[in-house]
Amino acid sequence: MKKIYITRKFPSIAKELLSKKFIVEENLENRNLTREELIQIVKNFDGVLPSVFDCFDQEVLSQKLKL
């Protein structure tokens, strides 16, 4: 099963719906993630549900082999 990461607090319905088809992990601290954390997330998850606070620049996105 593919893995999805939720970077910030979203309404619980988002996790509920995603959990039906994906393994879902989330940022329980609801804080801004560092560039290093985003890079690790991109490397280790199949998808990301980001917020407007996340900076997915070229360096971060280049870590993902399959987009």
C-alpha atoms as a PDB file:
ATOM      1  CA  MET A   1       0.000   0.000   0.000  1.00  0.00           C
ATOM      2  CA  LYS A   2       1.317   3.462  -0.878  1.00  0.00           C
ATOM      3  CA  LYS A   3       2.269   5.941   1.852  1.00  0.00           C
ATOM      4  CA  ILE A   4       1.023   9.551   2.124  1.00  0.00           C
ATOM      5  CA  TYR A   5       2.325  12.236   4.485  1.00  0.00           C
ATOM      6  CA  ILE A   6       0.149  15.132   5.706  1.00  0.00           C
ATOM      7  CA  THR A   7       2.408  18.066   6.581  1.00  0.00           C
ATOM      8  CA  ARG A   8       0.009  20.145   8.728  1.00  0.00           C
ATOM      9  CA  LYS A   9      -3.243  19.753  10.609  1.00  0.00           C
ATOM     10  CA  PHE A  10      -6.108  19.226   8.163  1.00  0.00           C
ATOM     11  CA  PRO A  11      -9.728  18.404   8.971  1.00  0.00           C
ATOM     12  CA  SER A  12      -9.952  14.819  10.238  1.00  0.00           C
ATOM     13  CA  ILE A  13     -12.017  13.842   7.185  1.00  0.00           C
ATOM     14  CA  ALA A  14      -8.856  14.214   5.043  1.00  0.00           C
ATOM     15  CA  LYS A  15      -7.016  11.506   6.983  1.00  0.00           C
ATOM     16  CA  GLU A  16     -10.150   9.376   7.202  1.00  0.00           C
ATOM     17  CA  LEU A  17     -10.662   9.374   3.427  1.00  0.00           C
ATOM     18  CA  LEU A  18      -6.983   8.903   2.576  1.00  0.00           C
ATOM     19  CA  SER A  19      -6.671   6.019   5.057  1.00  0.00           C
ATOM     20  CA  LYS A  20      -9.096   3.971   2.995  1.00  0.00           C
ATOM     21  CA  LYS A  21      -6.536   3.637   0.184  1.00  0.00           C
ATOM     22  CA  PHE A  22      -3.182   4.673   1.674  1.00  0.00           C
ATOM     23  CA  ILE A  23      -1.006   4.359   4.743  1.00  0.00           C
ATOM     24  CA  VAL A  24      -1.202   7.868   6.208  1.00  0.00           C
ATOM     25  CA  GLU A  25       1.261   9.584   8.513  1.00  0.00           C
ATOM     26  CA  GLU A  26       1.029  13.179   9.630  1.00  0.00           C
ATOM     27  CA  ASN A  27       2.853  15.990  11.364  1.00  0.00           C
ATOM     28  CA  LEU A  28       1.187  15.677  14.772  1.00  0.00           C
ATOM     29  CA  GLU A  29       3.069  18.704  16.120  1.00  0.00           C
ATOM     30  CA  ASN A  30       1.465  20.918  13.442  1.00  0.00           C
ATOM     31  CA  ARG A  31       4.669  22.933  13.057  1.00  0.00           C
ATOM     32  CA  ASN A  32       6.590  24.088  10.015  1.00  0.00           C
ATOM     33  CA  LEU A  33       8.843  21.311   8.770  1.00  0.00           C
ATOM     34  CA  THR A  34      12.494  21.987   7.993  1.00  0.00           C
ATOM     35  CA  ARG A  35      13.954  21.543   4.521  1.00  0.00           C
ATOM     36  CA  GLU A  36      15.771  18.433   5.773  1.00  0.00           C
ATOM     37  CA  GLU A  37      12.506  16.958   7.075  1.00  0.00           C
ATOM     38  CA  LEU A  38      10.754  17.681   3.764  1.00  0.00           C
ATOM     39  CA  ILE A  39      13.590  15.992   1.866  1.00  0.00           C
ATOM     40  CA  GLN A  40      13.245  12.858   4.018  1.00  0.00           C
ATOM     41  CA  ILE A  41       9.473  12.872   3.540  1.00  0.00           C
ATOM     42  CA  VAL A  42       9.832  13.181  -0.245  1.00  0.00           C
ATOM     43  CA  LYS A  43      12.331  10.314  -0.262  1.00  0.00           C
ATOM     44  CA  ASN A  44      10.255   7.996   1.931  1.00  0.00           C
ATOM     45  CA  PHE A  45       6.636   8.634   0.925  1.00  0.00           C
ATOM     46  CA  ASP A  46       4.717   8.111  -2.291  1.00  0.00           C
ATOM     47  CA  GLY A  47       2.743  11.324  -1.883  1.00  0.00           C
ATOM     48  CA  VAL A  48       2.474  14.436   0.247  1.00  0.00           C
ATOM     49  CA  LEU A  49      -0.544  16.520   1.219  1.00  0.00           C
ATOM     50  CA  PRO A  50       1.187  19.871   1.844  1.00  0.00           C
ATOM     51  CA  SER A  51       0.035  23.217   3.174  1.00  0.00           C
ATOM     52  CA  VAL A  52       0.876  26.697   1.914  1.00  0.00           C
ATOM     53  CA  PHE A  53       3.647  26.894   4.530  1.00  0.00           C
ATOM     54  CA  ASP A  54       5.717  24.084   2.986  1.00  0.00           C
ATOM     55  CA  CYS A  55       8.559  25.045   0.664  1.00  0.00           C
ATOM     56  CA  PHE A  56       8.858  22.354  -1.994  1.00  0.00           C
ATOM     57  CA  ASP A  57      11.602  23.915  -4.064  1.00  0.00           C
ATOM     58  CA  GLN A  58      13.757  22.285  -6.745  1.00  0.00           C
ATOM     59  CA  GLU A  59      16.210  20.879  -4.195  1.00  0.00           C
ATOM     60  CA  VAL A  60      13.448  19.143  -2.228  1.00  0.00           C
ATOM     61  CA  LEU A  61      11.561  17.836  -5.277  1.00  0.00           C
ATOM     62  CA  SER A  62      14.741  16.565  -6.954  1.00  0.00           C
ATOM     63  CA  GLN A  63      15.057  13.992  -4.158  1.00  0.00           C
ATOM     64  CA  LYS A  64      12.002  12.122  -5.473  1.00  0.00           C
ATOM     65  CA  LEU A  65      12.803   9.687  -8.251  1.00  0.00           C
ATOM     66  CA  LYS A  66       9.176   9.268  -9.356  1.00  0.00           C
ATOM     67  CA  LEU A  67       6.801  12.222  -9.389  1.00  0.00           C
END
